[in-house]
Amino acid sequence: MVEEKRRYYEGIGRRKRASARVRIYPDAEATGSFTVNDREVKDFFPRFGDYRILMGPLTDTELEGKVDVTVHIHGGGTTGQTGAVRLGIARALVKYDEDLRGVLRTHGHMTRDSRVKERKKPGLKRARKAPTYTKR
C-alpha cells in the first residue's frame, strides 16, 4: 500500500548562527506533536522560558495543539536556536494563512533579529577589545 504524503507549510528561521527549517502540518490527523531534530521539544529545549518563546506564535494565533510541527535545526546555541525556530514557525503560519500576519507582526514574531557576532580584528583580542597599553 502506498503511503500518502501529508501537506505541510514550510518556513525558514535564522538568528545569530542558527538556522531552522520548520514544517507545519495543519490537517485533520494533526495531534499537536512538536518535534525538534527527531526529539520531543521539551527534551531539546528543557528551559521553560525557551518553550514559552517557541510556543508564542502558536499560542497567539490559537493554533497550539491543532497543528503538528517538525523542526530541523543546526548551528548556534540555545538562544539562537530558540529565536530561529520562533521565526520559522511564524513564517510557516503566514504561508498557511495570510490573515495571521497581522497578529504575528503585532506580537513581534515576524521580525528577524539581525544581530550577529562581530568578527575579530587583527591586533585586537576580540572584535573591539584592545590589549592593555603599556608606556614602558
Protein backbone atom coordinates (compact mmCIF):
# COMPACT_ATOMS: atom_id res chain seq x y z
CA MET A 1 0.00 0.00 0.00
CA VAL A 2 1.33 3.43 -0.94
CA GLU A 3 1.57 5.89 1.94
CA GLU A 4 0.00 9.25 1.18
CA LYS A 5 2.17 12.34 1.75
CA ARG A 6 0.86 14.91 4.21
CA ARG A 7 0.57 18.54 3.09
CA TYR A 8 2.79 20.93 5.00
CA TYR A 9 3.81 24.58 5.06
CA GLU A 10 7.49 25.40 5.49
CA GLY A 11 9.24 28.39 6.99
CA ILE A 12 12.95 29.12 7.43
CA GLY A 13 14.08 30.99 10.53
CA ARG A 14 17.54 32.30 11.37
CA ARG A 15 19.11 34.00 14.38
CA LYS A 16 22.79 34.53 15.16
CA ARG A 17 24.49 31.38 13.73
CA ALA A 18 21.39 29.14 14.00
CA SER A 19 19.18 28.12 11.09
CA ALA A 20 15.88 26.28 11.47
CA ARG A 21 13.63 24.65 8.85
CA VAL A 22 10.12 24.42 10.27
CA ARG A 23 7.25 22.40 8.80
CA ILE A 24 3.64 22.78 9.94
CA TYR A 25 1.07 20.07 9.22
CA PRO A 26 -2.43 21.59 9.73
CA ASP A 27 -4.50 18.60 8.57
CA ALA A 28 -7.29 16.61 10.20
CA GLU A 29 -4.91 13.99 11.56
CA ALA A 30 -2.82 16.59 13.47
CA THR A 31 -2.29 15.65 17.11
CA GLY A 32 -0.38 18.73 18.26
CA SER A 33 3.01 16.99 18.26
CA PHE A 34 6.14 19.17 18.25
CA THR A 35 9.47 17.55 17.37
CA VAL A 36 12.89 19.16 17.03
CA ASN A 37 15.62 17.11 15.28
CA ASP A 38 13.53 13.95 15.80
CA ARG A 39 13.26 14.58 19.56
CA GLU A 40 10.38 15.91 21.65
CA VAL A 41 10.52 19.70 22.02
CA LYS A 42 10.75 19.57 25.83
CA ASP A 43 13.77 17.26 25.59
CA PHE A 44 15.56 19.51 23.10
CA PHE A 45 14.69 22.82 24.85
CA PRO A 46 14.34 21.93 28.56
CA ARG A 47 14.23 25.53 29.87
CA PHE A 48 10.68 26.77 30.45
CA GLY A 49 11.43 30.25 29.08
CA ASP A 50 12.64 28.77 25.79
CA TYR A 51 9.49 26.66 25.49
CA ARG A 52 7.31 29.75 26.06
CA ILE A 53 9.16 31.65 23.33
CA LEU A 54 8.81 28.73 20.90
CA MET A 55 5.09 28.37 21.51
CA GLY A 56 4.46 32.13 21.23
CA PRO A 57 3.37 32.18 17.56
CA LEU A 58 1.10 29.15 18.04
CA THR A 59 -0.40 30.50 21.27
CA ASP A 60 -1.06 33.97 19.84
CA THR A 61 -2.80 32.52 16.76
CA GLU A 62 -4.73 29.97 18.90
CA LEU A 63 -3.33 27.04 16.91
CA GLU A 64 -1.48 25.36 19.79
CA GLY A 65 -2.38 21.67 19.78
CA LYS A 66 -4.18 21.93 16.42
CA VAL A 67 -1.13 21.55 14.14
CA ASP A 68 1.86 19.21 14.06
CA VAL A 69 5.26 20.91 13.96
CA THR A 70 8.58 19.38 12.91
CA VAL A 71 11.85 21.31 13.07
CA HIS A 72 15.34 20.61 11.71
CA ILE A 73 17.86 22.98 13.24
CA HIS A 74 21.61 23.34 13.10
CA GLY A 75 24.22 25.81 14.27
CA GLY A 76 24.24 28.35 17.05
CA GLY A 77 23.48 27.94 20.72
CA THR A 78 20.29 27.58 22.72
CA THR A 79 19.19 31.22 22.47
CA GLY A 80 19.90 31.49 18.76
CA GLN A 81 18.13 28.22 18.04
CA THR A 82 15.08 29.30 20.05
CA GLY A 83 14.80 32.56 18.09
CA ALA A 84 15.31 30.77 14.78
CA VAL A 85 12.54 28.24 15.49
CA ARG A 86 10.17 31.00 16.58
CA LEU A 87 10.70 32.94 13.35
CA GLY A 88 10.39 29.77 11.28
CA ILE A 89 7.06 28.90 12.91
CA ALA A 90 5.75 32.41 12.30
CA ARG A 91 6.76 32.34 8.62
CA ALA A 92 5.20 28.90 8.12
CA LEU A 93 1.95 30.08 9.73
CA VAL A 94 1.80 33.04 7.33
CA LYS A 95 2.16 30.66 4.38
CA TYR A 96 -0.64 28.57 5.86
CA ASP A 97 -2.97 31.55 6.41
CA GLU A 98 -2.05 35.08 5.24
CA ASP A 99 -4.61 36.58 7.68
CA LEU A 100 -2.39 35.59 10.63
CA ARG A 101 0.35 38.03 9.55
CA GLY A 102 -1.16 40.97 11.47
CA VAL A 103 -1.42 39.06 14.75
CA LEU A 104 2.12 37.68 14.42
CA ARG A 105 3.53 41.09 13.49
CA THR A 106 1.77 42.76 16.46
CA HIS A 107 3.33 40.28 18.91
CA GLY A 108 6.80 40.68 17.31
CA HIS A 109 7.13 37.16 15.91
CA MET A 110 7.77 38.21 12.28
CA THR A 111 10.84 40.38 12.90
CA ARG A 112 14.22 38.86 12.04
CA ASP A 113 16.79 39.70 14.74
CA SER A 114 19.76 40.59 12.53
CA ARG A 115 22.33 40.92 15.32
CA VAL A 116 25.28 38.58 14.80
CA LYS A 117 28.68 38.34 16.42
CA GLU A 118 31.16 40.90 15.08
CA ARG A 119 34.35 39.47 13.60
CA LYS A 120 37.68 39.66 15.40
CA LYS A 121 40.04 42.32 14.03
CA PRO A 122 43.81 41.86 13.70
CA GLY A 123 45.85 43.27 16.59
CA LEU A 124 42.88 43.13 18.96
CA LYS A 125 41.92 40.48 21.49
CA ARG A 126 38.29 40.37 20.37
CA ALA A 127 36.24 42.45 17.94
CA ARG A 128 36.93 45.73 19.78
CA LYS A 129 38.93 44.92 22.93
CA ALA A 130 42.50 46.17 22.57
CA PRO A 131 45.46 44.82 24.52
CA THR A 132 46.43 46.81 27.59
CA TYR A 133 48.55 49.87 26.77
CA THR A 134 51.94 49.93 28.46
CA LYS A 135 54.14 53.01 28.37
CA ARG A 136 57.43 51.19 29.04
